[in-house]
Amino acid sequence: MTAVAQEIWSGLTTASPLDQVNLVLGIAGVWLMIRRSLWAFPVGLAAVSVQAVLFWDTKFYADARLQGIYFGCLVYGWWHWVRHRGNAPELPVTRLAWGARGAYAAAGLAVTVAWAEYQRRYTDAVMPYRDAFVATFGLVAQVLQVRKHLENWPVWVVVNAVTVASCLLVTPPLYFTAFLYAIYLFLAVGGWRAWRRAEPAAAA
């Protein structure tokens, strides 16, 4: 346990300044989103911009381009939350119908399988299905979040839990990365609870 703690501490203290900025922006952005604050969007835009630079510098070009999609989602979400709140203080939290939930799940699984098979056949990805699942359903969660659907949080819970588990299963285990995503997992659970409590107030 001491070795795990030392690795986590080392990761926190030896990370590059840009990595540390990325961590602060990421946590701040999620916390603001839990509070349903419009400030979540400019902070989120800064966070994905920093992540794009980090991914590009480490030659993860697909991940870097994925941040561009997240950037577009956040711009749309900012506009949607302001444009469609009408005279209300904020856009209400809503839930998807069961049919829509099934459609999102089916589309996400289809893209996951197709992407994973491509990676399995044509790349040297260590965990092609894990990578495809996390990327695809992370995007699904982002879309649901900017639409202010409650279901975004359980999707984030699953995505972060899968990431934590996979980081602990590789050899050697990625304890520092698992620690970071455990923080996001905890925040996603908090966001789920907070948005559920906000539903009646938002509807009123």
Protein backbone atom coordinates (compact mmCIF):
# COMPACT_ATOMS: atom_id res chain seq x y z
CA MET A 1 0.00 0.00 0.00
CA THR A 2 2.90 2.32 0.73
CA ALA A 3 4.30 1.74 -2.76
CA VAL A 4 0.91 2.61 -4.28
CA ALA A 5 0.72 5.83 -2.24
CA GLN A 6 4.28 6.72 -3.25
CA GLU A 7 3.46 6.22 -6.93
CA ILE A 8 0.37 8.42 -6.65
CA TRP A 9 2.32 11.13 -4.81
CA SER A 10 5.11 10.94 -7.36
CA GLY A 11 2.60 11.32 -10.18
CA LEU A 12 1.11 14.39 -8.55
CA THR A 13 4.42 16.08 -7.80
CA THR A 14 6.45 15.20 -10.90
CA ALA A 15 3.75 15.84 -13.51
CA SER A 16 4.48 18.59 -15.99
CA PRO A 17 2.89 22.00 -15.38
CA LEU A 18 0.53 21.38 -18.29
CA ASP A 19 -0.53 18.03 -16.79
CA GLN A 20 -1.20 19.70 -13.47
CA VAL A 21 -3.23 22.45 -15.13
CA ASN A 22 -5.17 19.75 -16.96
CA LEU A 23 -6.00 18.00 -13.67
CA VAL A 24 -7.16 21.22 -11.99
CA LEU A 25 -9.29 22.25 -14.97
CA GLY A 26 -10.80 18.77 -15.27
CA ILE A 27 -11.87 18.57 -11.63
CA ALA A 28 -13.09 22.18 -11.63
CA GLY A 29 -15.10 21.61 -14.80
CA VAL A 30 -16.86 18.52 -13.41
CA TRP A 31 -17.56 20.27 -10.09
CA LEU A 32 -19.12 23.23 -11.92
CA MET A 33 -21.17 20.84 -14.07
CA ILE A 34 -22.48 19.12 -10.94
CA ARG A 35 -23.65 22.54 -9.76
CA ARG A 36 -25.22 23.15 -13.20
CA SER A 37 -23.21 26.34 -13.56
CA LEU A 38 -22.69 27.91 -16.98
CA TRP A 39 -19.07 28.44 -15.94
CA ALA A 40 -18.62 24.71 -16.55
CA PHE A 41 -18.51 25.41 -20.26
CA PRO A 42 -15.62 27.90 -20.51
CA VAL A 43 -13.66 25.83 -17.98
CA GLY A 44 -14.46 22.67 -19.95
CA LEU A 45 -13.37 24.31 -23.20
CA ALA A 46 -10.05 25.24 -21.61
CA ALA A 47 -9.67 21.68 -20.25
CA VAL A 48 -10.21 19.91 -23.59
CA SER A 49 -7.89 22.40 -25.30
CA VAL A 50 -5.11 21.53 -22.84
CA GLN A 51 -5.83 17.81 -23.25
CA ALA A 52 -5.62 18.15 -27.04
CA VAL A 53 -2.14 19.67 -26.70
CA LEU A 54 -1.04 16.93 -24.30
CA PHE A 55 -2.31 14.15 -26.56
CA TRP A 56 -0.78 15.71 -29.66
CA ASP A 57 2.60 16.14 -28.01
CA THR A 58 2.61 12.46 -26.98
CA LYS A 59 1.53 11.44 -30.53
CA PHE A 60 -1.95 10.20 -29.55
CA TYR A 61 -3.40 11.93 -32.58
CA ALA A 62 -6.83 10.21 -32.53
CA ASP A 63 -7.33 11.22 -28.89
CA ALA A 64 -6.21 14.75 -29.71
CA ARG A 65 -8.80 14.98 -32.50
CA LEU A 66 -11.44 13.53 -30.17
CA GLN A 67 -10.93 16.59 -27.95
CA GLY A 68 -12.02 18.68 -30.92
CA ILE A 69 -15.35 16.82 -30.90
CA TYR A 70 -15.67 17.45 -27.17
CA PHE A 71 -14.90 21.13 -27.83
CA GLY A 72 -17.77 21.29 -30.34
CA CYS A 73 -20.12 19.53 -27.89
CA LEU A 74 -19.30 22.04 -25.17
CA VAL A 75 -19.85 25.02 -27.48
CA TYR A 76 -23.23 23.56 -28.46
CA GLY A 77 -24.09 22.81 -24.81
CA TRP A 78 -23.30 26.36 -23.73
CA TRP A 79 -25.59 27.71 -26.45
CA HIS A 80 -28.31 25.12 -25.69
CA TRP A 81 -28.36 25.77 -21.93
CA VAL A 82 -28.72 29.53 -22.49
CA ARG A 83 -30.96 29.51 -25.58
CA HIS A 84 -33.55 27.02 -24.35
CA ARG A 85 -33.97 28.05 -20.72
CA GLY A 86 -36.48 30.72 -21.76
CA ASN A 87 -37.42 32.94 -18.84
CA ALA A 88 -36.47 30.28 -16.28
CA PRO A 89 -33.32 30.67 -14.16
CA GLU A 90 -31.84 27.61 -15.85
CA LEU A 91 -32.55 24.86 -18.36
CA PRO A 92 -34.30 22.04 -16.46
CA VAL A 93 -32.75 18.63 -15.90
CA THR A 94 -34.62 16.03 -17.96
CA ARG A 95 -34.70 12.27 -18.39
CA LEU A 96 -34.71 10.29 -21.61
CA ALA A 97 -37.61 8.02 -22.54
CA TRP A 98 -36.78 4.32 -22.44
CA GLY A 99 -36.76 4.15 -26.22
CA ALA A 100 -34.18 6.92 -26.44
CA ARG A 101 -32.05 5.22 -23.79
CA GLY A 102 -32.10 2.02 -25.82
CA ALA A 103 -31.18 3.91 -28.99
CA TYR A 104 -28.18 5.59 -27.34
CA ALA A 105 -27.04 2.27 -25.86
CA ALA A 106 -27.44 0.38 -29.15
CA ALA A 107 -25.61 3.06 -31.14
CA GLY A 108 -22.82 3.19 -28.56
CA LEU A 109 -22.37 -0.58 -28.55
CA ALA A 110 -22.37 -0.75 -32.36
CA VAL A 111 -19.69 1.94 -32.63
CA THR A 112 -17.69 0.29 -29.82
CA VAL A 113 -17.63 -3.09 -31.57
CA ALA A 114 -16.76 -1.62 -34.97
CA TRP A 115 -14.01 0.60 -33.56
CA ALA A 116 -12.61 -2.20 -31.38
CA GLU A 117 -12.48 -4.64 -34.29
CA TYR A 118 -10.67 -2.08 -36.41
CA GLN A 119 -8.11 -1.55 -33.66
CA ARG A 120 -7.75 -5.30 -33.06
CA ARG A 121 -7.05 -6.01 -36.72
CA TYR A 122 -5.02 -3.00 -37.80
CA THR A 123 -3.29 -1.62 -34.69
CA ASP A 124 -1.26 -2.90 -31.76
CA ALA A 125 -3.76 -1.65 -29.16
CA VAL A 126 -3.38 -3.60 -25.90
CA MET A 127 -7.06 -3.34 -24.95
CA PRO A 128 -8.96 -2.51 -28.15
CA TYR A 129 -12.43 -3.14 -26.71
CA ARG A 130 -11.66 -1.17 -23.55
CA ASP A 131 -10.28 1.76 -25.54
CA ALA A 132 -13.23 1.78 -27.93
CA PHE A 133 -15.79 1.49 -25.12
CA VAL A 134 -14.28 4.31 -23.05
CA ALA A 135 -13.97 6.64 -26.04
CA THR A 136 -17.41 5.89 -27.47
CA PHE A 137 -19.42 6.01 -24.28
CA GLY A 138 -17.40 8.99 -23.03
CA LEU A 139 -18.70 10.79 -26.11
CA VAL A 140 -22.24 9.51 -25.46
CA ALA A 141 -22.03 10.83 -21.90
CA GLN A 142 -20.77 14.19 -23.14
CA VAL A 143 -23.67 14.52 -25.60
CA LEU A 144 -26.20 13.62 -22.89
CA GLN A 145 -24.57 16.09 -20.51
CA VAL A 146 -24.73 19.08 -22.82
CA ARG A 147 -28.37 18.20 -23.50
CA LYS A 148 -28.80 18.24 -19.69
CA HIS A 149 -30.14 14.70 -19.50
CA LEU A 150 -29.75 13.02 -16.12
CA GLU A 151 -28.55 9.80 -17.80
CA ASN A 152 -25.16 11.35 -18.56
CA TRP A 153 -24.00 10.69 -14.99
CA PRO A 154 -24.60 6.92 -14.84
CA VAL A 155 -22.82 6.63 -18.18
CA TRP A 156 -19.86 8.58 -16.75
CA VAL A 157 -19.91 6.31 -13.67
CA VAL A 158 -19.57 3.22 -15.88
CA VAL A 159 -16.90 4.78 -18.13
CA ASN A 160 -14.79 5.88 -15.16
CA ALA A 161 -15.25 2.53 -13.37
CA VAL A 162 -14.09 0.65 -16.47
CA THR A 163 -11.08 2.97 -16.74
CA VAL A 164 -10.12 2.46 -13.09
CA ALA A 165 -10.46 -1.32 -13.35
CA SER A 166 -8.46 -1.55 -16.58
CA CYS A 167 -5.66 0.58 -15.13
CA LEU A 168 -5.36 -1.87 -12.23
CA LEU A 169 -5.44 -4.96 -14.47
CA VAL A 170 -2.54 -4.03 -16.77
CA THR A 171 1.03 -5.00 -15.93
CA PRO A 172 2.45 -3.02 -14.24
CA PRO A 173 -0.71 -1.44 -12.78
CA LEU A 174 -1.24 2.25 -13.53
CA TYR A 175 -2.01 3.33 -9.99
CA PHE A 176 -1.70 7.06 -10.60
CA THR A 177 -4.09 7.01 -13.57
CA ALA A 178 -6.49 4.79 -11.61
CA PHE A 179 -6.37 7.30 -8.75
CA LEU A 180 -7.25 10.20 -11.07
CA TYR A 181 -10.20 8.37 -12.61
CA ALA A 182 -11.36 7.26 -9.18
CA ILE A 183 -11.72 10.97 -8.39
CA TYR A 184 -13.82 11.43 -11.54
CA LEU A 185 -15.85 8.35 -10.59
CA PHE A 186 -16.58 9.85 -7.16
CA LEU A 187 -17.56 13.16 -8.78
CA ALA A 188 -19.84 11.40 -11.28
CA VAL A 189 -21.70 9.67 -8.44
CA GLY A 190 -22.08 13.06 -6.74
CA GLY A 191 -23.29 14.62 -9.98
CA TRP A 192 -25.89 11.88 -10.43
CA ARG A 193 -27.28 12.51 -6.95
CA ALA A 194 -27.18 16.31 -7.29
CA TRP A 195 -28.99 16.37 -10.63
CA ARG A 196 -31.63 13.94 -9.35
CA ARG A 197 -32.32 16.29 -6.46
CA ALA A 198 -32.48 19.21 -8.90
CA GLU A 199 -35.21 17.65 -11.06
CA PRO A 200 -38.25 18.83 -9.02
CA ALA A 201 -36.75 22.31 -8.51
CA ALA A 202 -35.89 22.60 -12.18
CA ALA A 203 -39.39 21.49 -13.20
CA ALA A 204 -40.97 23.99 -10.80
